Amino acid sequence: MSTNRLGELLVREKLISLQQLRRAQDEQRNSGQNLGYTLQKLGFISDGEITNFLSSQYRLPAINLDEYEIDNEIIKLVSRDVCEKHKIIPVSRSGQSLIVAMADPTNLHAIDDIKFLTNYNVEPVVASETSVGNAIERYYSAGPSYEELMSDFSLDEQDIDFSADEEDVNALELEKQSADAPVVRLVNVLLLNAIRKGASDIHVEPYEKRLRVRYRIDGVLHEEMNPPIKLKAALVSRLKIMSQLDIAERRLPQDGRIKLKLGKGREMDFRVSVLPTMWGEKVVLRLLDKGNLQLDMTKLGFDQAPLDDFQWAINQPWGMVLVTGPTGSGKTTTLYSALSDLNKPGVNISTAEDPVEYNLHGINQVQMHDEIGLNFAMCLRAFLRQDPDIIMVGEIRDFETAEIAVKAALTGHMVLSTLHTNDAPATISRLLNMGVEPFLITASVNLVLAQRLARRVCMDCRYEVPTDPQTLIDMGVSEEQMAQGVRVMKGRGCATCNSTGYKGRIALYEVMRFREELKEMVLQGASTTELKVGAIKRGMVSLRMAGIRKVIEGMTTPEEVLRVTMAD
């Protein structure tokens, strides 16, 4: 059924108004999504209403694919490409007939195609295009199921001996076990599912009587599977072999890297860390996907005024720009975005990183090696003899690094770096505590940026929730914002967001431009609190205020803002 025909019928049946149809068509032209999906997203009609409407139009039974479990043998009968092409999915089999859920049951070409491919008669049932799409994603993206993989192993508890001393395990035997097809397949599924689900980290954790695998998705850990405990040594050894680590060394921490080549020329890096614990080696893999690296600063979550300040600061001929926040708050992405913006043929850029997470063309990147004495301070000194224009230091950890970075900023270089502090004003106090003189800080620092990552509400299942006004006021929403009306959005949970209600993350920024008034306050010995109050008076938007703005825009939830920011 064409989208125009569907829209006309929905208006004729008074399921939507003509104005709603026109608004959905305008939105559809911009987004490229189908009309049914757009009508649901705008809240004009539900998925169930569309399905029931199509069912009555065609006099065919309707099916709710979200509540229906399709057997894997049925799924194998039709390929994903065919399903996506015709917007169909096979549901079940009855004798010589294949029951197929279709968004458009009048598509005779699709029916003939499936008959030819499967040698079954086709009996169509009706489902909305959105639910068919969700079902295709659910059944065809999963890869081998965990149960299928586990069927390769004997799960008899009597076979498992928890008291064996790992030191007695032969390294050659481990290597042989880790090369077994089931273990290889399990590790491959572990890595590929993490990529599919958009995880940033994989945790493989051994305990006394169980092995746990967790994924960190949008900043929160979720338990993924519990492989049999007897696979512990083989699983860890397989990961160590892929990372080119020493499988015989089980008493010391080790670090390595895995590079996977995926389809269409895409590559995925895994940074691997192995740590000996009480019950064996814990492995954490950090996923580094250059294809998903967002280098466009306008898309990171900056509001316009803070973005203007940040771009002004990095485009100064000299000085220091500091980015601060906890581990995993997106500091590296922000710095890479700035470097990408500054990376021009006439500019010499050098970076000292620990580790180098992404390779950037045209930038000289140096990996730190503390074990041979190559640390940030040594690297910075070397950079100053390399005729640099812009220097990026992964982190200012001590007085020596801070002192050289400040001197570099004062001698005509642009210096970008990170620190671990709670907010932008606290960064100045951290530098003072390291031993940097106040007059050097005021002379060198152009801007300090603090950031956090909050989970973004899933756009496919978000809806407005009633919220107690006092809760919003306690959170920090101003009376002026309350007067304009605050609509709080949440996600119901769907296939797109793995039933969490959140999909992706949005950055919250606190940008403190180091103006003359603030410099004077530092020279006079002002405290962190006084600096913060002074900066807010002069237009700085705090992390909490930035979070509240994102709540008002419907991009995140109050719970997320409270989780990642502190009260002003």
Protein backbone atom coordinates (compact mmCIF):
# COMPACT_ATOMS: atom_id res chain seq x y z
CA MET A 1 0.00 0.00 0.00
CA SER A 2 1.44 3.39 -0.96
CA THR A 3 1.97 5.89 1.87
CA ASN A 4 -0.49 8.33 0.22
CA ARG A 5 -3.16 5.63 0.03
CA LEU A 6 -2.55 4.61 3.69
CA GLY A 7 -2.79 8.24 4.82
CA GLU A 8 -6.03 8.83 2.90
CA LEU A 9 -7.64 5.71 4.36
CA LEU A 10 -6.62 6.60 7.94
CA VAL A 11 -8.15 10.09 7.50
CA ARG A 12 -11.33 8.63 5.93
CA GLU A 13 -11.73 6.24 8.87
CA LYS A 14 -11.19 9.23 11.26
CA LEU A 15 -8.22 7.52 12.91
CA ILE A 16 -6.14 10.66 12.27
CA SER A 17 -7.02 14.21 11.20
CA LEU A 18 -6.02 15.82 7.90
CA GLN A 19 -3.75 18.25 9.79
CA GLN A 20 -2.01 15.32 11.52
CA LEU A 21 -1.48 13.59 8.16
CA ARG A 22 0.05 16.74 6.63
CA ARG A 23 2.36 17.24 9.61
CA ALA A 24 3.44 13.57 9.44
CA GLN A 25 4.10 13.86 5.69
CA ASP A 26 6.28 16.96 6.28
CA GLU A 27 8.21 15.11 8.99
CA GLN A 28 8.48 12.04 6.73
CA ARG A 29 10.05 14.08 3.92
CA ASN A 30 12.77 15.29 6.32
CA SER A 31 13.45 11.96 8.07
CA GLY A 32 12.99 9.51 5.18
CA GLN A 33 11.05 7.13 7.52
CA ASN A 34 7.80 5.41 6.48
CA LEU A 35 4.48 7.14 7.15
CA GLY A 36 3.20 4.61 9.72
CA TYR A 37 6.40 4.93 11.79
CA THR A 38 6.23 8.75 11.59
CA LEU A 39 2.57 8.82 12.73
CA GLN A 40 3.47 6.64 15.73
CA LYS A 41 6.55 8.71 16.58
CA LEU A 42 4.44 11.89 16.62
CA GLY A 43 1.93 10.13 18.88
CA PHE A 44 -1.01 10.43 16.42
CA ILE A 45 -1.73 6.69 16.26
CA SER A 46 -0.44 3.52 17.94
CA ASP A 47 1.23 0.54 16.29
CA GLY A 48 -1.73 -1.66 17.30
CA GLU A 49 -4.27 0.72 15.73
CA ILE A 50 -2.43 0.63 12.38
CA THR A 51 -2.24 -3.18 12.47
CA ASN A 52 -5.96 -3.56 13.30
CA PHE A 53 -6.87 -1.04 10.58
CA LEU A 54 -4.88 -2.93 7.92
CA SER A 55 -6.37 -6.21 9.15
CA SER A 56 -9.92 -4.96 8.68
CA GLN A 57 -9.07 -3.42 5.28
CA TYR A 58 -7.70 -6.68 3.89
CA ARG A 59 -9.91 -9.02 5.96
CA LEU A 60 -6.82 -10.90 7.13
CA PRO A 61 -5.80 -11.85 10.68
CA ALA A 62 -3.45 -9.43 12.49
CA ILE A 63 -0.42 -10.48 14.54
CA ASN A 64 1.46 -8.75 17.34
CA LEU A 65 5.08 -9.68 16.57
CA ASP A 66 6.33 -8.27 19.90
CA GLU A 67 4.37 -10.96 21.75
CA TYR A 68 5.08 -13.78 19.29
CA GLU A 69 8.16 -16.02 19.51
CA ILE A 70 9.31 -17.22 16.07
CA ASP A 71 11.17 -20.53 15.86
CA ASN A 72 14.73 -20.31 14.56
CA GLU A 73 14.07 -23.02 11.94
CA ILE A 74 11.33 -20.82 10.43
CA ILE A 75 13.64 -17.78 10.33
CA LYS A 76 16.22 -19.80 8.36
CA LEU A 77 13.71 -20.35 5.53
CA VAL A 78 13.89 -16.72 4.31
CA SER A 79 17.04 -14.57 4.21
CA ARG A 80 17.29 -11.16 5.89
CA ASP A 81 17.77 -9.44 2.50
CA VAL A 82 14.44 -10.79 1.21
CA CYS A 83 12.66 -9.82 4.44
CA GLU A 84 14.02 -6.26 4.32
CA LYS A 85 13.30 -5.92 0.59
CA HIS A 86 9.62 -6.91 0.92
CA LYS A 87 9.04 -5.83 4.57
CA ILE A 88 7.97 -9.32 5.61
CA ILE A 89 8.99 -11.95 8.15
CA PRO A 90 8.12 -15.69 8.25
CA VAL A 91 6.14 -16.55 11.39
CA SER A 92 5.24 -20.26 11.39
CA ARG A 93 4.53 -23.29 9.23
CA SER A 94 1.33 -25.26 8.81
CA GLY A 95 1.62 -28.31 6.56
CA GLN A 96 2.68 -27.03 3.14
CA SER A 97 1.83 -23.43 4.02
CA LEU A 98 4.18 -20.76 5.38
CA ILE A 99 2.49 -18.05 7.44
CA VAL A 100 4.18 -14.72 6.68
CA ALA A 101 3.66 -11.39 8.49
CA MET A 102 3.47 -8.61 5.89
CA ALA A 103 3.21 -4.84 6.09
CA ASP A 104 1.50 -4.89 2.66
CA PRO A 105 -0.44 -8.14 2.02
CA THR A 106 -1.36 -6.92 -1.52
CA ASN A 107 2.29 -7.24 -2.61
CA LEU A 108 1.88 -10.22 -4.95
CA HIS A 109 5.50 -9.91 -6.12
CA ALA A 110 6.67 -10.58 -2.54
CA ILE A 111 4.33 -13.58 -2.17
CA ASP A 112 5.55 -15.09 -5.47
CA ASP A 113 9.17 -14.47 -4.45
CA ILE A 114 8.76 -16.34 -1.13
CA LYS A 115 6.85 -19.21 -2.82
CA PHE A 116 9.72 -19.64 -5.29
CA LEU A 117 12.44 -19.47 -2.59
CA THR A 118 10.79 -21.79 -0.05
CA ASN A 119 8.52 -24.11 -2.11
CA TYR A 120 5.73 -23.36 0.39
CA ASN A 121 2.31 -21.83 -0.19
CA VAL A 122 2.21 -18.39 1.44
CA GLU A 123 -0.54 -17.37 3.86
CA PRO A 124 -0.20 -13.66 4.69
CA VAL A 125 -1.08 -12.13 8.06
CA VAL A 126 -0.98 -8.39 8.77
CA ALA A 127 1.60 -6.57 10.90
CA SER A 128 2.66 -2.93 10.88
CA GLU A 129 5.84 -1.98 9.02
CA THR A 130 7.45 -0.84 12.29
CA SER A 131 6.85 -4.16 14.08
CA VAL A 132 8.09 -6.11 11.03
CA GLY A 133 11.27 -4.00 11.01
CA ASN A 134 11.78 -4.55 14.76
CA ALA A 135 11.26 -8.30 14.35
CA ILE A 136 13.78 -8.50 11.48
CA GLU A 137 16.34 -6.70 13.64
CA ARG A 138 15.56 -8.95 16.60
CA TYR A 139 15.78 -12.31 14.82
CA TYR A 140 18.41 -11.67 12.14
CA SER A 141 20.91 -9.61 14.17
CA ALA A 142 21.30 -11.98 17.07
CA GLY A 143 23.78 -14.37 15.43
CA PRO A 144 23.95 -17.86 16.98
CA SER A 145 21.92 -17.91 20.18
CA TYR A 146 23.69 -18.43 23.48
CA GLU A 147 21.72 -21.68 23.93
CA GLU A 148 22.95 -22.93 20.51
CA LEU A 149 26.54 -22.22 21.44
CA MET A 150 26.17 -23.87 24.82
CA SER A 151 24.75 -27.00 23.20
CA ASP A 152 28.33 -27.68 22.03
CA PHE A 153 29.42 -28.13 25.63
CA SER A 154 28.60 -30.78 28.20
CA LEU A 155 27.03 -28.86 31.07
CA ASP A 156 27.15 -31.71 33.55
CA GLU A 157 28.01 -30.05 36.89
CA GLN A 158 29.87 -33.20 37.97
CA ASP A 159 32.47 -32.55 35.24
CA ILE A 160 33.47 -29.26 36.89
CA ASP A 161 36.20 -29.22 39.49
CA PHE A 162 36.36 -25.92 41.36
CA SER A 163 39.39 -26.83 43.46
CA ALA A 164 41.95 -27.27 40.65
CA ASP A 165 45.04 -25.09 41.04
CA GLU A 166 45.39 -22.94 37.92
CA GLU A 167 49.16 -22.94 38.21
CA ASP A 168 49.11 -26.65 37.34
CA VAL A 169 47.41 -26.05 33.99
CA ASN A 170 49.76 -26.64 31.08
CA ALA A 171 50.11 -23.62 28.73
CA LEU A 172 50.18 -25.86 25.63
CA GLU A 173 46.97 -27.55 26.78
CA LEU A 174 45.37 -24.13 27.26
CA GLU A 175 46.34 -23.06 23.76
CA LYS A 176 44.83 -26.25 22.35
CA GLN A 177 41.57 -25.74 24.32
CA SER A 178 41.30 -22.11 23.22
CA ALA A 179 41.53 -23.16 19.56
CA ASP A 180 38.51 -25.51 19.90
CA ALA A 181 35.72 -24.48 17.52
CA PRO A 182 33.07 -23.92 20.26
CA VAL A 183 35.38 -21.60 22.23
CA VAL A 184 36.33 -19.68 19.06
CA ARG A 185 32.65 -19.31 18.17
CA LEU A 186 31.75 -18.18 21.69
CA VAL A 187 34.45 -15.47 21.65
CA ASN A 188 33.39 -14.34 18.15
CA VAL A 189 29.75 -14.04 19.25
CA LEU A 190 30.87 -12.21 22.40
CA LEU A 191 32.73 -9.59 20.33
CA LEU A 192 30.19 -9.26 17.49
CA ASN A 193 27.17 -8.96 19.82
CA ALA A 194 28.98 -6.18 21.68
CA ILE A 195 29.43 -4.32 18.38
CA ARG A 196 25.79 -4.87 17.39
CA LYS A 197 24.50 -3.64 20.74
CA GLY A 198 26.72 -0.56 20.71
CA ALA A 199 28.66 -1.56 23.85
CA SER A 200 31.70 0.49 24.86
CA ASP A 201 33.26 -2.22 27.10
CA ILE A 202 33.08 -6.00 27.62
CA HIS A 203 33.79 -7.43 31.10
CA VAL A 204 34.65 -11.14 31.43
CA GLU A 205 34.63 -11.82 35.19
CA PRO A 206 35.48 -15.09 36.97
CA TYR A 207 34.02 -15.91 40.40
CA GLU A 208 34.28 -18.99 42.59
CA LYS A 209 31.47 -20.96 40.93
CA ARG A 210 30.38 -18.85 37.96
CA LEU A 211 31.69 -16.88 35.01
CA ARG A 212 29.94 -13.63 34.15
CA VAL A 213 30.03 -11.53 30.96
CA ARG A 214 28.76 -7.96 31.07
CA TYR A 215 28.48 -5.21 28.43
CA ARG A 216 28.68 -1.50 29.20
CA ILE A 217 26.02 0.10 27.01
CA ASP A 218 25.51 3.88 27.15
CA GLY A 219 27.60 4.04 30.32
CA VAL A 220 25.72 1.35 32.29
CA LEU A 221 26.76 -2.32 32.76
CA HIS A 222 24.26 -5.02 31.72
CA GLU A 223 24.72 -8.76 32.33
CA GLU A 224 24.89 -10.52 28.98
CA MET A 225 25.58 -14.22 29.66
CA ASN A 226 26.98 -16.77 32.13
CA PRO A 227 29.17 -19.28 30.26
CA PRO A 228 30.05 -22.54 32.10
CA ILE A 229 32.83 -22.04 34.68
CA LYS A 230 34.94 -24.80 33.11
CA LEU A 231 35.37 -22.58 30.02
CA LYS A 232 37.09 -19.90 32.09
CA ALA A 233 40.71 -20.78 31.23
CA ALA A 234 40.01 -21.53 27.54
CA LEU A 235 37.94 -18.34 27.08
CA VAL A 236 40.60 -16.08 28.65
CA SER A 237 43.38 -17.86 26.73
CA ARG A 238 41.53 -17.34 23.43
CA LEU A 239 41.25 -13.60 24.14
CA LYS A 240 44.94 -13.46 25.14
CA ILE A 241 46.03 -15.25 21.95
CA MET A 242 43.96 -12.81 19.85
CA SER A 243 45.60 -9.91 21.77
CA GLN A 244 49.10 -11.44 21.29
CA LEU A 245 49.61 -11.73 25.06
CA ASP A 246 51.49 -14.40 27.05
CA ILE A 247 48.99 -17.15 27.94
CA ALA A 248 51.48 -18.75 30.36
CA GLU A 249 51.65 -15.55 32.48
CA ARG A 250 48.68 -15.59 34.85
CA ARG A 251 50.07 -13.67 37.83
CA LEU A 252 50.70 -10.21 36.34
CA PRO A 253 48.42 -7.70 34.57
CA GLN A 254 48.80 -7.55 30.78
CA ASP A 255 47.58 -5.13 28.09
CA GLY A 256 47.03 -5.87 24.42
CA ARG A 257 44.94 -5.06 21.38
CA ILE A 258 42.64 -6.98 19.00
CA LYS A 259 41.84 -5.67 15.52
CA LEU A 260 38.76 -7.10 13.77
CA LYS A 261 38.07 -6.55 10.09
CA LEU A 262 34.33 -6.32 9.48
CA GLY A 263 32.41 -6.06 6.22
CA LYS A 264 32.57 -3.03 3.86
CA GLY A 265 36.12 -2.14 4.89
CA ARG A 266 35.13 -1.35 8.48
CA GLU A 267 37.63 -2.06 11.25
CA MET A 268 37.05 -2.37 14.99
CA ASP A 269 39.77 -2.18 17.63
CA PHE A 270 39.48 -3.76 21.08
CA ARG A 271 41.85 -2.53 23.78
CA VAL A 272 42.37 -5.52 26.08
CA SER A 273 43.30 -5.43 29.77
CA VAL A 274 43.90 -8.66 31.73
CA LEU A 275 43.96 -8.51 35.54
CA PRO A 276 44.69 -11.45 37.90
CA THR A 277 41.95 -11.68 40.57
CA MET A 278 41.08 -14.04 43.41
CA TRP A 279 39.32 -16.57 41.15
CA GLY A 280 41.26 -16.17 37.90
CA GLU A 281 41.96 -13.53 35.30
CA LYS A 282 39.40 -10.82 34.62
CA VAL A 283 39.44 -9.45 31.06
CA VAL A 284 38.07 -6.03 30.10
CA LEU A 285 37.87 -5.08 26.41
CA ARG A 286 37.32 -1.42 25.41
CA LEU A 287 35.72 -1.09 21.95
CA LEU A 288 37.26 1.61 19.74
CA ASP A 289 35.16 2.12 16.61
CA LYS A 290 36.73 4.77 14.39
CA GLY A 291 33.69 4.56 12.11
CA ASN A 292 31.50 5.84 14.97
CA LEU A 293 33.96 8.51 16.14
CA GLN A 294 32.00 11.77 16.05
CA LEU A 295 34.42 14.55 15.05
CA ASP A 296 31.82 17.20 14.16
CA MET A 297 31.68 19.46 17.23
CA THR A 298 28.20 20.75 16.35
CA LYS A 299 26.85 17.19 16.78
CA LEU A 300 28.46 16.44 20.15
CA GLY A 301 25.75 18.20 22.19
CA PHE A 302 27.19 21.72 22.51
CA ASP A 303 24.73 24.58 22.84
CA GLN A 304 25.68 27.48 20.55
CA ALA A 305 27.17 29.93 23.12
CA PRO A 306 29.51 27.36 24.80
CA LEU A 307 30.49 26.05 21.34
CA ASP A 308 31.42 29.58 20.23
CA ASP A 309 33.57 30.00 23.37
CA PHE A 310 35.30 26.63 22.85
CA GLN A 311 36.04 27.32 19.18
CA TRP A 312 37.36 30.79 20.08
CA ALA A 313 39.73 29.22 22.66
CA ILE A 314 41.18 26.47 20.43
CA ASN A 315 41.72 28.91 17.56
CA GLN A 316 43.86 31.28 19.62
CA PRO A 317 47.51 31.42 18.50
CA TRP A 318 48.71 30.22 21.92
CA GLY A 319 47.44 29.27 25.38
CA MET A 320 45.96 26.25 27.11
CA VAL A 321 42.53 24.58 26.80
CA LEU A 322 41.75 21.99 29.49
CA VAL A 323 39.01 19.34 29.27
CA THR A 324 37.97 17.71 32.55
CA GLY A 325 35.67 14.92 33.66
CA PRO A 326 35.71 11.33 34.98
CA THR A 327 36.85 8.30 32.97
CA GLY A 328 34.41 7.54 30.15
CA SER A 329 32.91 11.04 29.98
CA GLY A 330 33.95 11.63 26.35
CA LYS A 331 37.02 13.83 26.95
CA THR A 332 39.05 12.06 24.25
CA THR A 333 36.26 12.51 21.68
CA THR A 334 36.04 16.24 22.45
CA LEU A 335 39.82 16.65 22.10
CA TYR A 336 39.91 14.65 18.86
CA SER A 337 37.07 16.84 17.54
CA ALA A 338 39.09 19.95 18.36
CA LEU A 339 42.22 18.48 16.72
CA SER A 340 40.21 17.48 13.64
CA ASP A 341 38.98 21.08 13.40
CA LEU A 342 42.55 22.43 13.73
CA ASN A 343 44.19 19.84 11.45
CA LYS A 344 45.23 21.83 8.37
CA PRO A 345 48.22 21.44 6.00
CA GLY A 346 49.95 24.52 7.44
CA VAL A 347 49.82 23.34 11.06
CA ASN A 348 52.12 20.90 12.91
CA ILE A 349 50.17 18.92 15.53
CA SER A 350 51.77 16.44 17.98
CA THR A 351 49.96 14.38 20.62
CA ALA A 352 51.20 12.37 23.62
CA GLU A 353 48.60 9.74 24.54
CA ASP A 354 48.29 6.80 26.91
CA PRO A 355 47.04 4.89 25.00
CA VAL A 356 46.55 6.17 21.43
CA GLU A 357 42.85 5.33 20.95
CA TYR A 358 42.27 6.40 17.35
CA ASN A 359 44.72 7.07 14.52
CA LEU A 360 44.18 10.52 13.00
CA HIS A 361 45.67 11.24 9.58
CA GLY A 362 48.02 14.23 9.49
CA ILE A 363 48.68 14.25 13.26
CA ASN A 364 51.88 12.95 14.91
CA GLN A 365 50.68 10.66 17.71
CA VAL A 366 53.06 9.24 20.33
CA GLN A 367 52.22 6.27 22.59
CA MET A 368 53.50 6.53 26.19
CA HIS A 369 55.74 3.76 27.61
CA ASP A 370 56.37 4.39 31.31
CA GLU A 371 58.42 1.19 31.61
CA ILE A 372 61.18 2.72 29.44
CA GLY A 373 60.80 6.23 30.82
CA LEU A 374 58.68 7.66 27.97
CA ASN A 375 56.12 9.63 30.00
CA PHE A 376 54.11 12.78 29.32
CA ALA A 377 56.82 15.10 30.68
CA MET A 378 59.60 13.56 28.56
CA CYS A 379 57.38 13.59 25.46
CA LEU A 380 56.41 17.25 26.00
CA ARG A 381 60.08 18.24 26.19
CA ALA A 382 60.76 16.39 22.93
CA PHE A 383 57.75 18.06 21.26
CA LEU A 384 59.16 21.52 21.98
CA ARG A 385 62.20 20.63 19.84
CA GLN A 386 59.94 19.46 16.98
CA ASP A 387 58.71 22.91 15.86
CA PRO A 388 55.07 22.31 16.97
CA ASP A 389 52.09 24.63 16.56
CA ILE A 390 49.60 22.57 18.57
CA ILE A 391 50.36 20.04 21.31
CA MET A 392 47.88 17.63 22.89
CA VAL A 393 48.87 15.96 26.18
CA GLY A 394 46.68 13.01 27.16
CA GLU A 395 46.55 13.97 30.84
CA ILE A 396 48.27 16.35 33.25
CA ARG A 397 49.04 14.03 36.17
CA ASP A 398 51.87 15.76 38.04
CA PHE A 399 53.70 19.06 38.59
CA GLU A 400 56.42 18.29 36.04
CA THR A 401 53.92 17.75 33.19
CA ALA A 402 51.83 20.77 34.30
CA GLU A 403 54.92 23.03 34.43
CA ILE A 404 56.13 22.09 30.93
CA ALA A 405 52.57 22.39 29.50
CA VAL A 406 52.19 25.90 30.99
CA LYS A 407 55.60 26.96 29.65
CA ALA A 408 54.71 25.61 26.21
CA ALA A 409 51.45 27.61 26.29
CA LEU A 410 53.37 30.75 27.26
CA THR A 411 55.94 30.35 24.49
CA GLY A 412 53.58 30.53 21.54
CA HIS A 413 51.99 27.05 21.38
CA MET A 414 48.38 25.93 21.66
CA VAL A 415 48.22 23.19 24.34
CA LEU A 416 45.20 20.87 24.76
CA SER A 417 45.01 18.49 27.72
CA THR A 418 42.75 16.74 30.26
CA LEU A 419 42.48 16.51 34.05
CA HIS A 420 40.24 14.54 36.40
CA THR A 421 38.17 17.07 38.38
CA ASN A 422 34.47 17.42 39.25
CA ASP A 423 33.83 20.66 37.37
CA ALA A 424 35.53 23.47 35.44
CA PRO A 425 36.37 25.82 38.38
CA ALA A 426 37.89 22.90 40.39
CA THR A 427 40.47 22.48 37.59
CA ILE A 428 42.14 25.76 38.56
CA SER A 429 42.38 24.58 42.20
CA ARG A 430 43.90 21.27 40.99
CA LEU A 431 46.65 23.12 39.10
CA LEU A 432 47.33 25.30 42.17
CA ASN A 433 47.53 22.18 44.37
CA MET A 434 50.03 20.64 41.93
CA GLY A 435 52.28 23.61 42.58
CA VAL A 436 51.69 25.78 39.50
CA GLU A 437 51.93 29.50 40.40
CA PRO A 438 48.67 31.53 40.14
CA PHE A 439 50.24 34.10 37.77
CA LEU A 440 51.30 31.29 35.38
CA ILE A 441 47.76 29.83 35.37
CA THR A 442 46.13 33.21 34.64
CA ALA A 443 48.66 33.89 31.88
CA SER A 444 48.31 30.53 30.11
CA VAL A 445 44.77 29.11 30.50
CA ASN A 446 42.26 30.24 27.83
CA LEU A 447 39.31 28.01 28.75
CA VAL A 448 38.30 25.04 30.89
CA LEU A 449 35.59 22.62 29.76
CA ALA A 450 33.95 20.05 32.06
CA GLN A 451 31.74 17.34 30.58
CA ARG A 452 29.55 14.35 31.36
CA LEU A 453 27.65 11.83 29.24
CA ALA A 454 23.94 11.28 29.95
CA ARG A 455 21.89 8.54 28.31
CA ARG A 456 19.59 9.77 25.55
CA VAL A 457 15.87 8.86 25.62
CA CYS A 458 15.05 6.30 22.93
CA MET A 459 13.29 8.17 20.10
CA ASP A 460 11.37 5.06 19.02
CA CYS A 461 9.48 4.53 22.30
CA ARG A 462 9.58 7.86 24.13
CA TYR A 463 6.43 9.30 25.67
CA GLU A 464 5.56 12.18 27.97
CA VAL A 465 5.27 11.40 31.70
CA PRO A 466 3.54 13.52 34.33
CA THR A 467 6.09 14.86 36.83
CA ASP A 468 5.62 16.50 40.22
CA PRO A 469 6.62 20.20 39.79
CA GLN A 470 8.39 20.13 43.19
CA THR A 471 10.69 17.35 41.95
CA LEU A 472 11.75 19.55 39.04
CA ILE A 473 12.24 22.59 41.31
CA ASP A 474 14.37 20.49 43.74
CA MET A 475 16.45 19.38 40.77
CA GLY A 476 17.19 23.01 39.87
CA VAL A 477 14.60 23.96 37.23
CA SER A 478 14.09 27.74 37.44
CA GLU A 479 10.71 29.42 37.96
CA GLU A 480 11.03 30.95 34.51
CA GLN A 481 11.51 27.51 32.94
CA MET A 482 8.58 26.11 34.97
CA ALA A 483 6.37 28.97 33.75
CA GLN A 484 7.14 28.09 30.13
CA GLY A 485 6.13 24.47 30.80
CA VAL A 486 8.42 21.47 31.18
CA ARG A 487 7.50 18.25 29.31
CA VAL A 488 9.44 15.31 30.74
CA MET A 489 10.00 12.43 28.30
CA LYS A 490 10.88 8.81 29.08
CA GLY A 491 11.31 5.64 27.04
CA ARG A 492 8.87 2.75 27.42
CA GLY A 493 11.47 0.21 26.29
CA CYS A 494 11.46 -1.43 22.85
CA ALA A 495 13.57 -3.64 20.56
CA THR A 496 15.62 -0.63 19.42
CA CYS A 497 16.87 0.18 22.94
CA ASN A 498 16.99 -3.40 24.33
CA SER A 499 14.00 -2.50 26.58
CA THR A 500 16.05 0.07 28.56
CA GLY A 501 14.25 3.22 27.37
CA TYR A 502 17.59 4.77 26.39
CA LYS A 503 19.53 4.70 23.11
CA GLY A 504 22.82 6.53 22.70
CA ARG A 505 24.25 9.32 24.84
CA ILE A 506 24.25 13.11 24.86
CA ALA A 507 27.12 15.21 26.21
CA LEU A 508 26.58 17.89 28.89
CA TYR A 509 29.12 20.70 28.82
CA GLU A 510 30.23 23.31 31.37
CA VAL A 511 32.44 25.83 29.54
CA MET A 512 34.37 28.36 31.65
CA ARG A 513 36.04 30.98 29.49
CA PHE A 514 38.88 32.38 31.57
CA ARG A 515 38.01 36.08 31.39
CA GLU A 516 39.92 38.91 33.09
CA GLU A 517 37.52 39.05 36.08
CA LEU A 518 38.09 35.35 36.81
CA LYS A 519 41.85 35.73 36.41
CA GLU A 520 41.77 38.54 38.98
CA MET A 521 39.82 36.30 41.39
CA VAL A 522 42.50 33.56 41.06
CA LEU A 523 45.30 36.04 41.75
CA GLN A 524 43.41 37.16 44.87
CA GLY A 525 43.17 33.56 46.13
CA ALA A 526 39.46 32.93 45.49
CA SER A 527 38.10 29.46 46.43
CA THR A 528 36.59 26.99 43.94
CA THR A 529 33.06 27.90 45.10
CA GLU A 530 33.73 31.63 44.64
CA LEU A 531 35.16 30.96 41.18
CA LYS A 532 32.06 28.94 40.22
CA VAL A 533 29.67 31.65 41.42
CA GLY A 534 31.72 34.27 39.55
CA ALA A 535 31.75 32.21 36.34
CA ILE A 536 27.96 31.56 36.45
CA LYS A 537 27.37 35.32 36.99
CA ARG A 538 29.36 35.92 33.82
CA GLY A 539 27.30 33.52 31.74
CA MET A 540 28.75 30.03 32.38
CA VAL A 541 26.16 27.26 32.18
CA SER A 542 26.91 24.62 34.87
CA LEU A 543 26.70 20.86 34.21
CA ARG A 544 23.42 20.64 36.14
CA MET A 545 21.95 23.58 34.20
CA ALA A 546 23.08 22.02 30.90
CA GLY A 547 21.40 18.75 31.95
CA ILE A 548 18.14 20.53 32.82
CA ARG A 549 18.12 22.10 29.34
CA LYS A 550 18.44 18.64 27.78
CA VAL A 551 15.52 17.40 29.94
CA ILE A 552 13.37 20.34 28.76
CA GLU A 553 14.32 19.53 25.14
CA GLY A 554 13.12 15.94 25.73
CA MET A 555 16.57 14.46 25.06
CA THR A 556 17.21 12.87 28.47
CA THR A 557 15.48 12.24 31.81
CA PRO A 558 15.72 13.91 35.25
CA GLU A 559 17.07 10.62 36.68
CA GLU A 560 19.99 10.66 34.22
CA VAL A 561 20.85 14.28 34.99
CA LEU A 562 20.79 13.56 38.75
CA ARG A 563 22.98 10.48 38.14
CA VAL A 564 25.76 12.27 36.26
CA THR A 565 25.77 15.82 37.72
CA MET A 566 26.07 17.41 41.16
CA ALA A 567 23.80 20.17 42.49
CA ASP A 568 25.12 23.71 42.01
